[in-house]
């Protein structure tokens, strides 16, 4: 799938990946790729700035966790992030319905 296809939907994808609980950045990328059946490949250079922005907006919170000698940042949804995810899902359903009615104007028998 084209990288441009994700543009405009990245926030929703990241929020949805975190719905099940806190994850570190690479696990978020992996979750999106697995849930999409490999159709969506997110780049670290896109994901980490987006996670930082979502945290600044109060939709995510982060904390550091030690894994052996390494430290990595884990991200979790806030209550505002859960509400934003609900809003994103509603907007997505409306968008796909509108696009679908144009691309497939005649119902299949």
Protein backbone atom coordinates (compact mmCIF):
# COMPACT_ATOMS: atom_id res chain seq x y z
CA UNK A 1 0.00 0.00 0.00
CA UNK A 2 1.26 3.48 -0.75
CA UNK A 3 2.78 5.45 2.11
CA UNK A 4 0.48 8.34 1.16
CA UNK A 5 -2.50 6.14 2.04
CA UNK A 6 -1.58 6.38 5.72
CA UNK A 7 -1.23 10.15 5.66
CA UNK A 8 -4.07 11.75 7.55
CA UNK A 9 -4.83 8.50 9.38
CA UNK A 10 -1.60 8.00 11.31
CA UNK A 11 -2.94 9.40 14.58
CA UNK A 12 -5.93 7.05 14.50
CA UNK A 13 -3.69 4.07 13.71
CA UNK A 14 -1.37 4.85 16.61
CA UNK A 15 -4.21 5.41 19.05
CA UNK A 16 -5.87 2.15 17.97
CA UNK A 17 -2.63 0.22 18.40
CA UNK A 18 -2.47 1.43 22.00
CA UNK A 19 -6.07 0.62 22.84
CA UNK A 20 -5.11 -2.76 24.30
CA UNK A 21 -2.52 -1.31 26.65
CA UNK A 22 0.87 0.41 26.81
CA UNK A 23 3.48 -0.38 24.17
CA UNK A 24 6.91 0.91 23.24
CA UNK A 25 7.44 2.52 19.83
CA UNK A 26 8.68 -0.51 17.92
CA UNK A 27 5.82 -2.63 19.33
CA UNK A 28 3.34 -0.01 18.11
CA UNK A 29 4.83 -0.19 14.61
CA UNK A 30 4.69 -3.99 14.71
CA UNK A 31 1.08 -3.98 15.98
CA UNK A 32 -0.08 -1.78 13.09
CA UNK A 33 1.77 -3.93 10.56
CA UNK A 34 0.36 -7.17 12.00
CA UNK A 35 -3.21 -5.88 12.34
CA UNK A 36 -3.12 -4.71 8.72
CA UNK A 37 -1.85 -8.08 7.51
CA UNK A 38 1.38 -6.41 6.45
CA UNK A 39 -0.38 -3.91 4.18
CA UNK A 40 0.71 -0.93 6.29
CA UNK A 41 4.37 -0.29 6.95
CA UNK A 42 5.10 2.60 9.25
CA UNK A 43 8.48 4.30 9.35
CA UNK A 44 10.19 5.12 12.62
CA UNK A 45 10.93 8.60 11.31
CA UNK A 46 7.18 9.19 11.01
CA UNK A 47 5.93 7.33 14.06
CA UNK A 48 8.12 8.79 16.81
CA UNK A 49 7.42 12.46 16.00
CA UNK A 50 3.70 11.59 15.84
CA UNK A 51 3.85 9.87 19.24
CA UNK A 52 5.59 12.91 20.72
CA UNK A 53 2.96 15.22 19.21
CA UNK A 54 0.09 13.07 20.52
CA UNK A 55 1.70 13.16 23.96
CA UNK A 56 1.99 16.95 23.85
CA UNK A 57 -1.72 17.08 22.92
CA UNK A 58 -2.55 15.02 26.01
CA UNK A 59 -3.80 11.99 24.06
CA UNK A 60 -0.91 9.79 25.22
CA UNK A 61 1.28 9.57 28.28
CA UNK A 62 4.66 7.94 28.36
CA UNK A 63 7.01 6.45 30.89
CA UNK A 64 10.46 4.93 30.74
CA UNK A 65 10.95 1.21 31.28
CA UNK A 66 14.21 -0.64 31.73
CA UNK A 67 14.74 -3.76 29.67
CA UNK A 68 18.07 -5.21 30.68
CA UNK A 69 20.55 -2.39 30.22
CA UNK A 70 18.33 -0.61 27.70
CA UNK A 71 15.63 1.90 28.43
CA UNK A 72 12.67 2.43 26.21
CA UNK A 73 9.67 4.68 26.33
CA UNK A 74 6.25 3.09 26.68
CA UNK A 75 3.18 4.94 25.49
CA UNK A 76 -0.37 4.60 26.82
CA UNK A 77 -3.70 6.18 25.95
CA UNK A 78 -5.09 8.83 28.25
CA UNK A 79 -8.84 9.30 28.74
CA UNK A 80 -8.64 12.10 26.16
CA UNK A 81 -6.86 9.68 23.82
CA UNK A 82 -9.67 7.13 24.19
CA UNK A 83 -12.24 9.82 23.37
CA UNK A 84 -10.15 10.92 20.38
CA UNK A 85 -10.00 7.32 19.14
CA UNK A 86 -13.79 7.07 19.36
CA UNK A 87 -14.09 10.31 17.36
CA UNK A 88 -11.57 9.03 14.79
CA UNK A 89 -13.56 5.83 14.33
CA UNK A 90 -16.78 7.77 13.81
CA UNK A 91 -15.10 10.05 11.27
CA UNK A 92 -13.60 7.00 9.49
CA UNK A 93 -17.01 5.30 9.18
CA UNK A 94 -18.54 8.48 7.76
CA UNK A 95 -15.63 8.93 5.35
CA UNK A 96 -15.70 5.35 4.06
CA UNK A 97 -19.48 5.49 3.65
CA UNK A 98 -19.23 8.68 1.59
CA UNK A 99 -16.35 7.41 -0.58
CA UNK A 100 -18.06 4.03 -0.99
CA UNK A 101 -21.26 5.65 -2.21
CA UNK A 102 -19.28 7.40 -4.95
CA UNK A 103 -17.02 4.50 -5.95
CA UNK A 104 -19.81 1.89 -5.80
CA UNK A 105 -22.98 3.81 -6.65
CA UNK A 106 -24.94 0.73 -7.68
CA UNK A 107 -25.65 -1.95 -5.08
CA UNK A 108 -24.62 -5.45 -6.08
CA UNK A 109 -27.53 -7.90 -6.50
